[in-house]
Amino acid sequence: LFKNLDHPAVITDDKNNIININTAFLTKYNLNLEQIKGKKINSLIKKNKILVNSQEHEINIDELDVGLVKIFILKSLEEKKENERLKKYKRIIESGIDDMVLIIRKNGKILDFNEAVKKNINDVDFDKNIKDVVKISKLNQKIKEAADSKTPSETAGQIISQNNNISVNVKIIPLDEELFSIILKNRSEFTNLNEQIKIVKEQYEQLVNNTTDLICIIDKTGKFKFVNKQFEKQLGYKIESIPNIFQIICPEDVPNFIRSLNASENSKKGFQDQEIRIYNNKKKLLYFAISGLPLVQNGVVIEYSMTLRNITEKKKNEDETLREKEKLKEDFKRLSEVNKMKTEFVSMVSHDLKTPLTNIQGYASLLRNKILGPNTPKQQEAADIIDKESKRLARLINDLLDLSKIDSGAIKLQMRPFNIKYLEERCALRNMAERKGLVFIWNAPENLSEMYGDPERIAQVLTNLVNNAIKFTDKGSVTVNIFEKDKNYIQIDVIDTGPGIPKKEQELIFERFQRSSISKLN
């Protein structure tokens, strides 16, 4: 498929070194693979130009990623423009009229012809000169007249054929500055000629007017010489009274537009997809992508042919996307600041709570241990409850402090090897389970003794999981399984016979301060 591409193509490796070319490349640029293999692609192609044998050629480049390689397809701008022009006038040849119709260049070279030409002219062929198949009176003069006046020019002619000579009326119709339609009509059918020309003209006008783009020709002063009906449809200006182009272009865009025209005049080359804003007849700005091509006569640019594609909706969407992006940035910044304030507040409050809580724990310990005197049974029970709940509150405050450290990035893990027995001592809450009448099972293989990580943080997480499993299991068992998942990781599962977390709430398990509807019942 690559070798048989119609356009020249190059394959490069992942370092942009040329590793292959196709047949079209070899034919177009007369270079073989050995001459350029291993070279960097940017040594051959720069800024939509290819440098071959000290000559630059303008190209369009399509770049495709295929696995570890890239394919660069090179499309000649000259060929593209020529093909677009020929395609534009192909319908004239295919219109089905009975007259003989040829498309020729200004120099007489035949580019295309219809079936009627094939039937009546034996020696006709592409790339032949019209003079070789038809003797046309004052051909060069008539072509010049048609080009200068931009109107059809008529003369007489004689078809040169091996079988017979046919006298014809010749009509030369300028299609643009370079291309002409030659209509040969047998004099016996002269009465139908005007009708056939009318059909061709209508088809040409339909082709130009039915496109969605604006098509126009302006002279060097900005005056419109030709516009299609899309001008009136999209901009609202009457075709017979369109202002000078410099009067309807946004003033801020005029300097760039003039620079493009000047560059085009100097280089005799066109420009493509320049963004420009134009006022419609209601003074509303519309966005267009404008492409232009200089029309040259005797080596001098006299006019510019242009197409304008409306991109107002596209620009509107881009602007809305940009505004939404800026809004999201502002929202993110504001939420980040709020989150920072919240984190600092939690940290401050947690620290401030620890001081009075330490005093409460101290006096609770004095009461429990009867250092301040003997206790009645109820006083002893109250002292135990105060001590238990103050320790619980201390754990909650420490959790809040940990959260604020995580948010601020201040928390640090103390990574080190530790024995799995440490987790069993800290996290196997057998007494708690047995008080609820539950069976507690701790499964850890004997050959799995050492782990690596922050033992305090792992124990903190595992204790919370085991505590919750016991808390929300009314009967049955709580099981901790520890096993080697692979050579680098150890997996710990906490399994209980409780009701579990409802499926619709499982996505909230990593959200802060969330409680399941099950926990709210306990």
Protein backbone atom coordinates (compact mmCIF):
# COMPACT_ATOMS: atom_id res chain seq x y z
CA LEU A 1 0.00 0.00 0.00
CA PHE A 2 2.84 2.39 0.90
CA LYS A 3 4.77 1.70 -2.30
CA ASN A 4 1.68 2.18 -4.47
CA LEU A 5 0.58 5.51 -2.98
CA ASP A 6 -0.15 8.11 -5.68
CA HIS A 7 1.75 10.78 -3.75
CA PRO A 8 5.46 10.67 -2.84
CA ALA A 9 5.92 9.21 0.66
CA VAL A 10 8.76 8.66 3.14
CA ILE A 11 9.00 6.32 6.15
CA THR A 12 11.11 7.31 9.19
CA ASP A 13 12.06 5.42 12.32
CA ASP A 14 11.38 6.63 15.87
CA LYS A 15 14.43 8.93 15.63
CA ASN A 16 13.16 10.59 12.43
CA ASN A 17 15.79 8.85 10.26
CA ILE A 18 14.62 8.05 6.71
CA ILE A 19 14.36 4.28 6.20
CA ASN A 20 12.26 3.92 3.03
CA ILE A 21 10.65 5.81 0.12
CA ASN A 22 7.91 4.80 -2.33
CA THR A 23 7.87 4.63 -6.13
CA ALA A 24 6.06 7.97 -6.49
CA PHE A 25 8.84 9.69 -4.51
CA LEU A 26 11.51 8.19 -6.76
CA THR A 27 9.61 9.25 -9.89
CA LYS A 28 8.75 12.75 -8.67
CA TYR A 29 12.11 13.79 -7.25
CA ASN A 30 14.51 11.41 -9.04
CA LEU A 31 16.09 10.28 -5.77
CA ASN A 32 16.75 6.68 -4.78
CA LEU A 33 16.76 5.28 -1.26
CA GLU A 34 20.56 4.98 -1.05
CA GLN A 35 20.93 8.74 -1.55
CA ILE A 36 18.83 9.72 1.46
CA LYS A 37 18.61 6.62 3.69
CA GLY A 38 19.65 7.42 7.25
CA LYS A 39 19.25 11.16 6.84
CA LYS A 40 17.04 13.12 9.19
CA ILE A 41 13.65 13.97 7.72
CA ASN A 42 14.11 17.65 8.62
CA SER A 43 17.22 17.79 6.44
CA LEU A 44 14.97 17.07 3.47
CA ILE A 45 11.69 18.76 4.46
CA LYS A 46 11.48 22.15 6.15
CA LYS A 47 8.45 24.38 6.65
CA ASN A 48 6.24 22.67 4.07
CA LYS A 49 9.04 22.69 1.51
CA ILE A 50 11.19 19.87 0.18
CA LEU A 51 14.74 20.57 -0.93
CA VAL A 52 15.81 18.36 -3.84
CA ASN A 53 18.88 18.98 -6.00
CA SER A 54 19.17 22.57 -4.70
CA GLN A 55 15.53 23.27 -5.66
CA GLU A 56 12.65 23.91 -3.29
CA HIS A 57 9.14 22.58 -3.93
CA GLU A 58 6.09 23.67 -1.93
CA ILE A 59 4.18 20.76 -0.46
CA ASN A 60 1.48 19.81 1.99
CA ILE A 61 2.55 17.13 4.47
CA ASP A 62 0.31 14.46 6.00
CA GLU A 63 2.04 12.72 8.91
CA LEU A 64 0.86 9.29 10.11
CA ASP A 65 2.06 7.32 13.16
CA VAL A 66 2.17 3.59 12.38
CA GLY A 67 3.57 1.66 15.31
CA LEU A 68 7.20 2.67 15.82
CA VAL A 69 7.51 4.41 12.46
CA LYS A 70 6.07 7.50 10.80
CA ILE A 71 4.86 7.96 7.25
CA PHE A 72 5.16 11.40 5.65
CA ILE A 73 2.93 11.82 2.55
CA LEU A 74 4.05 14.74 0.37
CA LYS A 75 1.38 16.46 -1.70
CA SER A 76 2.53 19.05 -4.21
CA LEU A 77 0.77 22.38 -3.74
CA GLU A 78 1.10 23.11 -7.45
CA GLU A 79 -0.52 19.79 -8.35
CA LYS A 80 -3.20 20.31 -5.72
CA LYS A 81 -4.10 23.74 -7.05
CA GLU A 82 -4.05 22.47 -10.61
CA ASN A 83 -6.24 19.48 -9.71
CA GLU A 84 -8.69 21.75 -7.90
CA ARG A 85 -8.92 24.00 -10.93
CA LEU A 86 -9.40 21.09 -13.32
CA LYS A 87 -11.95 19.46 -11.05
CA LYS A 88 -13.86 22.73 -10.99
CA TYR A 89 -14.28 22.66 -14.76
CA LYS A 90 -14.66 18.89 -15.15
CA ARG A 91 -18.43 19.27 -15.09
CA ILE A 92 -18.25 21.31 -18.28
CA ILE A 93 -16.73 18.30 -20.06
CA GLU A 94 -19.23 15.93 -18.46
CA SER A 95 -22.27 18.12 -19.09
CA GLY A 96 -23.56 15.81 -21.85
CA ILE A 97 -23.97 18.49 -24.53
CA ASP A 98 -23.68 17.39 -28.14
CA ASP A 99 -21.11 20.00 -29.16
CA MET A 100 -17.40 19.28 -29.15
CA VAL A 101 -15.89 20.76 -25.98
CA LEU A 102 -12.20 20.99 -25.09
CA ILE A 103 -10.43 22.52 -22.10
CA ILE A 104 -7.10 24.09 -23.08
CA ARG A 105 -4.41 26.20 -21.50
CA LYS A 106 -3.60 29.67 -22.72
CA ASN A 107 -0.69 28.21 -24.74
CA GLY A 108 -3.08 25.88 -26.58
CA LYS A 109 -2.22 22.67 -24.73
CA ILE A 110 -5.24 20.31 -24.52
CA LEU A 111 -6.13 19.25 -20.98
CA ASP A 112 -9.48 17.52 -21.47
CA PHE A 113 -12.27 16.96 -23.99
CA ASN A 114 -15.69 15.33 -24.19
CA GLU A 115 -17.03 12.30 -26.07
CA ALA A 116 -18.14 14.42 -29.02
CA VAL A 117 -14.51 15.40 -29.66
CA LYS A 118 -13.47 11.73 -29.69
CA LYS A 119 -16.13 10.93 -32.27
CA ASN A 120 -15.19 13.74 -34.68
CA ILE A 121 -11.42 14.24 -34.24
CA ASN A 122 -9.36 11.09 -34.77
CA ASP A 123 -5.98 12.45 -33.74
CA VAL A 124 -7.03 14.27 -30.58
CA ASP A 125 -5.08 13.37 -27.44
CA PHE A 126 -4.17 14.86 -24.09
CA ASP A 127 -1.14 17.20 -24.06
CA LYS A 128 -1.48 17.85 -27.80
CA ASN A 129 -1.78 21.44 -28.96
CA ILE A 130 -5.18 22.53 -30.24
CA LYS A 131 -3.44 23.78 -33.39
CA ASP A 132 -2.51 20.18 -34.28
CA VAL A 133 -6.13 19.02 -34.52
CA VAL A 134 -8.15 22.15 -35.35
CA LYS A 135 -7.20 25.05 -37.61
CA ILE A 136 -8.73 28.05 -35.85
CA SER A 137 -8.68 31.47 -37.43
CA LYS A 138 -6.68 34.05 -35.41
CA LEU A 139 -6.52 31.63 -32.42
CA ASN A 140 -3.94 33.52 -30.33
CA GLN A 141 -5.65 36.84 -30.93
CA LYS A 142 -9.06 35.43 -30.00
CA ILE A 143 -7.71 33.81 -26.83
CA LYS A 144 -6.17 37.14 -25.79
CA GLU A 145 -9.44 38.97 -26.53
CA ALA A 146 -11.39 36.49 -24.42
CA ALA A 147 -8.87 36.73 -21.58
CA ASP A 148 -8.76 40.53 -21.59
CA SER A 149 -12.53 41.03 -21.82
CA LYS A 150 -13.43 37.98 -19.72
CA THR A 151 -16.17 37.30 -22.27
CA PRO A 152 -16.48 34.64 -25.00
CA SER A 153 -14.74 35.24 -28.31
CA GLU A 154 -15.97 33.73 -31.57
CA THR A 155 -14.20 32.73 -34.80
CA ALA A 156 -14.23 30.03 -37.48
CA GLY A 157 -12.24 26.80 -37.73
CA GLN A 158 -11.58 23.60 -39.58
CA ILE A 159 -11.14 20.18 -37.94
CA ILE A 160 -8.08 18.35 -39.24
CA SER A 161 -9.05 14.69 -39.58
CA GLN A 162 -7.81 11.66 -41.51
CA ASN A 163 -11.34 10.91 -42.71
CA ASN A 164 -12.86 14.31 -43.34
CA ASN A 165 -12.56 18.01 -42.71
CA ILE A 166 -15.41 19.62 -40.81
CA SER A 167 -16.05 23.35 -40.82
CA VAL A 168 -16.99 24.57 -37.38
CA ASN A 169 -17.89 27.71 -35.55
CA VAL A 170 -15.47 28.19 -32.65
CA LYS A 171 -16.37 29.77 -29.34
CA ILE A 172 -13.55 30.51 -26.88
CA ILE A 173 -14.81 30.93 -23.31
CA PRO A 174 -12.37 32.13 -20.60
CA LEU A 175 -12.73 30.01 -17.46
CA ASP A 176 -9.98 31.83 -15.59
CA GLU A 177 -6.73 33.58 -16.46
CA GLU A 178 -5.07 30.34 -17.63
CA LEU A 179 -7.84 27.96 -18.75
CA PHE A 180 -10.25 28.24 -21.66
CA SER A 181 -13.17 26.19 -22.92
CA ILE A 182 -13.20 25.67 -26.70
CA ILE A 183 -16.63 24.81 -28.09
CA LEU A 184 -16.66 23.51 -31.66
CA LYS A 185 -20.04 23.51 -33.31
CA ASN A 186 -20.78 22.06 -36.69
CA ARG A 187 -22.04 24.95 -38.77
CA SER A 188 -25.08 22.94 -39.71
CA GLU A 189 -26.10 23.06 -36.05
CA PHE A 190 -25.29 26.75 -35.56
CA THR A 191 -28.80 27.59 -34.48
CA ASN A 192 -28.40 25.53 -31.28
CA LEU A 193 -25.09 27.07 -30.25
CA ASN A 194 -26.44 29.87 -28.06
CA GLU A 195 -28.65 27.47 -26.16
CA GLN A 196 -25.76 25.11 -25.48
CA ILE A 197 -23.55 27.96 -24.26
CA LYS A 198 -26.34 29.07 -21.98
CA ILE A 199 -26.48 25.58 -20.47
CA VAL A 200 -22.72 25.54 -19.86
CA LYS A 201 -22.86 29.00 -18.30
CA GLU A 202 -25.69 28.00 -16.00
CA GLN A 203 -23.83 24.91 -14.89
CA TYR A 204 -20.73 26.98 -14.19
CA GLU A 205 -22.74 29.51 -12.19
CA GLN A 206 -24.40 26.70 -10.22
CA LEU A 207 -20.99 25.27 -9.45
CA VAL A 208 -19.76 28.61 -8.10
CA ASN A 209 -22.94 29.75 -6.40
CA ASN A 210 -23.92 26.51 -4.70
CA THR A 211 -20.69 26.16 -2.74
CA THR A 212 -20.85 27.05 0.96
CA ASP A 213 -17.71 29.20 0.70
CA LEU A 214 -17.59 32.81 -0.40
CA ILE A 215 -15.78 33.13 -3.74
CA CYS A 216 -14.65 36.47 -5.08
CA ILE A 217 -12.16 38.29 -7.28
CA ILE A 218 -10.81 41.69 -6.19
CA ASP A 219 -8.48 44.10 -7.93
CA LYS A 220 -5.42 45.63 -6.26
CA THR A 221 -7.49 48.50 -4.82
CA GLY A 222 -9.83 46.10 -3.03
CA LYS A 223 -12.76 46.56 -5.40
CA PHE A 224 -14.83 43.44 -6.00
CA LYS A 225 -14.75 42.30 -9.62
CA PHE A 226 -16.74 39.13 -9.02
CA VAL A 227 -18.61 37.57 -6.10
CA ASN A 228 -20.79 34.50 -5.81
CA LYS A 229 -24.24 34.48 -4.24
CA GLN A 230 -22.87 33.35 -0.88
CA PHE A 231 -21.70 36.93 -0.32
CA GLU A 232 -25.27 38.14 -0.24
CA LYS A 233 -26.45 35.07 1.67
CA GLN A 234 -23.82 35.17 4.45
CA LEU A 235 -22.94 38.88 4.64
CA GLY A 236 -26.22 40.43 3.58
CA TYR A 237 -24.72 42.78 0.96
CA LYS A 238 -26.46 43.08 -2.38
CA ILE A 239 -24.22 41.76 -5.14
CA GLU A 240 -24.44 45.01 -7.10
CA SER A 241 -23.51 47.22 -4.12
CA ILE A 242 -20.87 45.41 -2.07
CA PRO A 243 -18.46 47.91 -0.43
CA ASN A 244 -14.69 47.84 -0.99
CA ILE A 245 -13.16 44.88 0.85
CA PHE A 246 -11.09 47.19 3.07
CA GLN A 247 -14.33 48.82 4.26
CA ILE A 248 -15.82 45.59 5.58
CA ILE A 249 -12.69 44.00 7.10
CA CYS A 250 -12.19 44.67 10.82
CA PRO A 251 -9.65 47.58 10.98
CA GLU A 252 -7.39 45.57 13.29
CA ASP A 253 -7.07 42.84 10.64
CA VAL A 254 -6.41 45.14 7.66
CA PRO A 255 -2.59 45.42 8.15
CA ASN A 256 -2.09 41.63 8.15
CA PHE A 257 -4.39 41.28 5.14
CA ILE A 258 -2.43 43.91 3.19
CA ARG A 259 0.84 42.19 4.12
CA SER A 260 -0.53 38.92 2.72
CA LEU A 261 -1.53 40.62 -0.54
CA ASN A 262 1.89 42.29 -0.88
CA ALA A 263 3.71 39.01 -0.18
CA SER A 264 1.49 37.23 -2.70
CA GLU A 265 2.19 39.89 -5.33
CA ASN A 266 5.95 39.68 -4.78
CA SER A 267 6.13 35.89 -4.80
CA LYS A 268 3.30 35.29 -7.31
CA LYS A 269 2.12 32.63 -4.86
CA GLY A 270 -1.06 32.32 -2.87
CA PHE A 271 -1.76 32.32 0.85
CA GLN A 272 -3.98 29.96 2.80
CA ASP A 273 -6.33 29.98 5.79
CA GLN A 274 -5.50 33.42 7.12
CA GLU A 275 -7.94 34.28 9.90
CA ILE A 276 -9.84 37.50 9.28
CA ARG A 277 -12.91 39.27 10.67
CA ILE A 278 -15.51 40.83 8.36
CA TYR A 279 -18.52 43.02 9.16
CA ASN A 280 -21.82 41.94 7.67
CA ASN A 281 -24.41 44.50 6.58
CA LYS A 282 -25.69 44.67 10.18
CA LYS A 283 -22.20 45.55 11.52
CA LYS A 284 -21.80 42.15 13.17
CA LEU A 285 -18.29 40.67 13.08
CA LEU A 286 -17.97 37.24 11.49
CA TYR A 287 -14.82 35.12 11.42
CA PHE A 288 -13.48 33.73 8.14
CA ALA A 289 -10.49 31.66 7.01
CA ILE A 290 -9.40 33.36 3.79
CA SER A 291 -7.22 31.85 1.06
CA GLY A 292 -6.03 33.86 -1.92
CA LEU A 293 -4.34 33.32 -5.26
CA PRO A 294 -2.82 36.09 -7.39
CA LEU A 295 -4.11 36.34 -10.97
CA VAL A 296 -1.12 37.19 -13.15
CA GLN A 297 -1.21 38.76 -16.61
CA ASN A 298 2.02 39.33 -18.56
CA GLY A 299 4.01 38.71 -15.39
CA VAL A 300 2.07 41.31 -13.40
CA VAL A 301 -0.49 40.61 -10.67
CA ILE A 302 -3.69 42.38 -11.64
CA GLU A 303 -6.27 40.72 -9.39
CA TYR A 304 -6.69 38.21 -6.58
CA SER A 305 -9.01 35.20 -6.53
CA MET A 306 -10.16 34.38 -3.00
CA THR A 307 -12.26 31.90 -1.08
CA LEU A 308 -13.58 32.64 2.41
CA ARG A 309 -14.77 29.89 4.74
CA ASN A 310 -17.01 30.93 7.64
CA ILE A 311 -15.46 29.82 10.96
CA THR A 312 -17.57 32.00 13.28
CA GLU A 313 -19.17 29.03 15.05
CA LYS A 314 -15.80 27.35 15.49
CA LYS A 315 -14.31 30.52 17.01
CA LYS A 316 -17.33 30.88 19.28
CA ASN A 317 -16.81 27.34 20.59
CA GLU A 318 -13.08 27.99 21.06
CA ASP A 319 -13.80 31.19 23.01
CA GLU A 320 -16.37 29.43 25.19
CA THR A 321 -13.90 26.61 25.86
CA LEU A 322 -11.21 29.15 26.81
CA ARG A 323 -13.59 30.99 29.14
CA GLU A 324 -14.66 27.73 30.74
CA LYS A 325 -11.02 26.75 31.18
CA GLU A 326 -10.24 30.08 32.88
CA LYS A 327 -13.29 29.68 35.11
CA LEU A 328 -12.17 26.18 36.11
CA LYS A 329 -8.72 27.56 36.94
CA GLU A 330 -10.26 30.23 39.17
CA ASP A 331 -12.56 27.68 40.84
CA PHE A 332 -9.64 25.34 41.43
CA LYS A 333 -7.57 28.16 42.91
CA ARG A 334 -10.42 29.23 45.19
CA LEU A 335 -11.14 25.64 46.30
CA SER A 336 -7.44 25.06 46.93
CA GLU A 337 -7.34 28.12 49.16
CA VAL A 338 -10.49 27.00 51.01
CA ASN A 339 -9.04 23.51 51.43
CA LYS A 340 -5.80 24.98 52.75
CA MET A 341 -7.72 27.14 55.26
CA LYS A 342 -9.73 24.09 56.34
CA THR A 343 -6.59 22.01 56.79
CA GLU A 344 -4.89 24.75 58.80
CA PHE A 345 -8.03 25.19 60.91
CA VAL A 346 -8.30 21.46 61.66
CA SER A 347 -4.60 21.34 62.56
CA MET A 348 -4.89 24.37 64.85
CA VAL A 349 -8.03 23.13 66.61
CA SER A 350 -6.58 19.62 67.02
CA HIS A 351 -3.42 20.99 68.62
CA ASP A 352 -5.44 23.27 70.91
CA LEU A 353 -7.62 20.34 72.03
CA LYS A 354 -4.68 18.16 72.95
CA THR A 355 -3.62 20.35 75.92
CA PRO A 356 -6.89 20.19 77.92
CA LEU A 357 -7.35 16.56 76.87
CA THR A 358 -3.96 15.67 78.35
CA ASN A 359 -5.07 17.20 81.65
CA ILE A 360 -8.35 15.23 81.55
CA GLN A 361 -6.44 12.00 80.89
CA GLY A 362 -4.06 12.78 83.75
CA TYR A 363 -6.78 13.39 86.33
CA ALA A 364 -8.77 10.40 85.06
CA SER A 365 -5.69 8.23 85.64
CA LEU A 366 -5.33 9.66 89.18
CA LEU A 367 -8.97 8.83 89.92
CA ARG A 368 -8.80 5.33 88.41
CA ASN A 369 -5.67 4.46 90.35
CA LYS A 370 -7.19 5.88 93.59
CA ILE A 371 -4.23 8.21 94.08
CA LEU A 372 -6.60 10.98 95.20
CA GLY A 373 -8.35 8.65 97.64
CA PRO A 374 -10.63 5.63 97.61
CA ASN A 375 -13.53 5.47 95.13
CA THR A 376 -17.01 4.17 95.52
CA PRO A 377 -17.96 1.59 92.85
CA LYS A 378 -19.85 4.26 90.88
CA GLN A 379 -16.93 6.68 91.12
CA GLN A 380 -14.58 3.95 89.91
CA GLU A 381 -16.91 3.19 86.97
CA ALA A 382 -17.10 6.91 86.12
CA ALA A 383 -13.29 7.24 86.27
CA ASP A 384 -12.89 4.24 83.94
CA ILE A 385 -15.38 5.72 81.47
CA ILE A 386 -13.63 9.13 81.54
CA ASP A 387 -10.26 7.47 80.94
CA LYS A 388 -11.62 5.27 78.12
CA GLU A 389 -13.44 8.09 76.33
CA SER A 390 -10.55 10.55 76.70
CA LYS A 391 -8.24 8.00 75.06
CA ARG A 392 -10.82 7.55 72.28
CA LEU A 393 -10.98 11.30 71.82
CA ALA A 394 -7.18 11.44 71.71
CA ARG A 395 -7.18 8.89 68.90
CA LEU A 396 -9.74 10.95 66.96
CA ILE A 397 -7.65 14.10 67.40
CA ASN A 398 -4.55 12.23 66.21
CA ASP A 399 -6.50 11.07 63.13
CA LEU A 400 -7.47 14.69 62.40
CA LEU A 401 -3.85 15.74 62.75
CA ASP A 402 -2.82 12.97 60.38
CA LEU A 403 -5.36 14.20 57.82
CA SER A 404 -4.06 17.74 58.02
CA LYS A 405 -0.49 16.45 57.62
CA ILE A 406 -1.54 14.44 54.55
CA ASP A 407 -3.22 17.51 53.03
CA SER A 408 -0.20 19.71 53.65
CA GLY A 409 2.26 17.06 52.47
CA ALA A 410 3.98 17.06 55.86
CA ILE A 411 3.34 13.43 56.74
CA LYS A 412 6.36 11.15 56.34
CA LEU A 413 6.36 7.39 56.27
CA GLN A 414 9.00 5.67 58.38
CA MET A 415 9.83 2.79 56.07
CA ARG A 416 11.70 -0.16 57.62
CA PRO A 417 11.59 -3.95 57.92
CA PHE A 418 9.37 -5.28 60.72
CA ASN A 419 8.02 -8.62 61.89
CA ILE A 420 4.47 -9.67 61.10
CA LYS A 421 4.05 -10.55 64.79
CA TYR A 422 3.97 -6.81 65.46
CA LEU A 423 0.73 -6.51 63.51
CA GLU A 424 -0.79 -9.45 65.33
CA GLU A 425 0.04 -7.90 68.71
CA ARG A 426 -1.42 -4.53 67.71
CA CYS A 427 -4.34 -5.46 65.48
CA ALA A 428 -5.67 -8.86 66.56
CA LEU A 429 -8.49 -7.54 68.79
CA ARG A 430 -9.45 -10.98 70.14
CA ASN A 431 -10.85 -9.76 73.46
CA MET A 432 -13.09 -7.27 71.72
CA ALA A 433 -14.39 -9.97 69.35
CA GLU A 434 -14.93 -12.53 72.10
CA ARG A 435 -16.93 -10.05 74.20
CA LYS A 436 -19.40 -9.94 71.27
CA GLY A 437 -19.40 -13.71 70.99
CA LEU A 438 -17.51 -13.70 67.67
CA VAL A 439 -14.83 -16.11 66.48
CA PHE A 440 -11.60 -14.23 65.64
CA ILE A 441 -9.20 -15.92 63.17
CA TRP A 442 -5.69 -14.69 62.34
CA ASN A 443 -4.14 -16.51 59.32
CA ALA A 444 -0.49 -15.77 58.56
CA PRO A 445 1.90 -18.35 57.03
CA GLU A 446 4.86 -19.32 59.23
CA ASN A 447 7.29 -18.74 56.38
CA LEU A 448 6.01 -15.17 56.04
CA SER A 449 7.62 -13.37 58.92
CA GLU A 450 9.19 -10.11 57.73
CA MET A 451 7.48 -7.19 55.97
CA TYR A 452 8.69 -3.80 54.77
CA GLY A 453 6.82 -0.54 55.28
CA ASP A 454 5.78 1.89 58.01
CA PRO A 455 4.58 -0.46 60.78
CA GLU A 456 2.73 2.26 62.72
CA ARG A 457 0.71 3.41 59.72
CA ILE A 458 -0.03 -0.15 58.56
CA ALA A 459 -1.14 -1.06 62.06
CA GLN A 460 -3.30 2.08 62.21
CA VAL A 461 -5.13 1.14 59.00
CA LEU A 462 -5.45 -2.55 59.87
CA THR A 463 -6.72 -1.80 63.41
CA ASN A 464 -9.44 0.42 62.00
CA LEU A 465 -10.51 -2.30 59.55
CA VAL A 466 -10.57 -5.02 62.21
CA ASN A 467 -12.34 -2.73 64.69
CA ASN A 468 -15.06 -1.91 62.12
CA ALA A 469 -15.44 -5.58 61.17
CA ILE A 470 -16.06 -6.51 64.83
CA LYS A 471 -18.27 -3.51 65.48
CA PHE A 472 -20.65 -4.23 62.60
CA THR A 473 -20.75 -8.04 62.87
CA ASP A 474 -23.40 -9.35 65.24
CA LYS A 475 -22.64 -13.06 64.87
CA GLY A 476 -20.22 -15.35 63.12
CA SER A 477 -16.56 -14.53 62.67
CA VAL A 478 -13.91 -11.98 61.74
CA THR A 479 -10.94 -13.30 59.77
CA VAL A 480 -7.59 -11.67 58.88
CA ASN A 481 -5.74 -13.38 56.02
CA ILE A 482 -2.14 -12.39 55.28
CA PHE A 483 -0.46 -13.87 52.23
CA GLU A 484 2.21 -13.15 49.63
CA LYS A 485 0.56 -11.69 46.53
CA ASP A 486 3.77 -11.76 44.46
CA LYS A 487 7.50 -11.43 45.10
CA ASN A 488 7.16 -7.68 45.84
CA TYR A 489 3.85 -7.34 47.69
CA ILE A 490 1.96 -8.81 50.65
CA GLN A 491 -1.84 -8.69 50.68
CA ILE A 492 -3.96 -8.44 53.86
CA ASP A 493 -7.71 -9.23 53.70
CA VAL A 494 -10.16 -8.52 56.54
CA ILE A 495 -13.28 -10.68 56.13
CA ASP A 496 -16.38 -10.63 58.33
CA THR A 497 -19.85 -12.18 58.35
CA GLY A 498 -21.62 -8.89 58.89
CA PRO A 499 -24.05 -7.14 56.52
CA GLY A 500 -21.29 -5.39 54.54
CA ILE A 501 -21.49 -1.99 52.83
CA PRO A 502 -24.42 -1.49 50.40
CA LYS A 503 -23.22 -1.55 46.79
CA LYS A 504 -24.42 1.97 46.02
CA GLU A 505 -22.33 3.30 48.95
CA GLN A 506 -19.12 1.41 48.17
CA GLU A 507 -17.83 4.18 45.91
CA LEU A 508 -17.76 6.49 48.99
CA ILE A 509 -15.41 4.34 51.08
CA PHE A 510 -12.40 6.56 50.36
CA GLU A 511 -14.28 9.82 50.94
CA ARG A 512 -13.60 11.62 54.22
CA PHE A 513 -16.07 11.57 57.10
CA GLN A 514 -18.50 9.30 55.25
CA ARG A 515 -20.57 6.75 57.15
CA SER A 516 -22.55 3.91 55.69
CA SER A 517 -26.29 3.71 56.34
CA ILE A 518 -25.48 0.40 58.11
CA SER A 519 -23.20 2.18 60.59
CA LYS A 520 -25.86 4.78 61.36
CA LEU A 521 -28.07 1.99 62.70
CA ASN A 522 -25.40 0.87 65.19
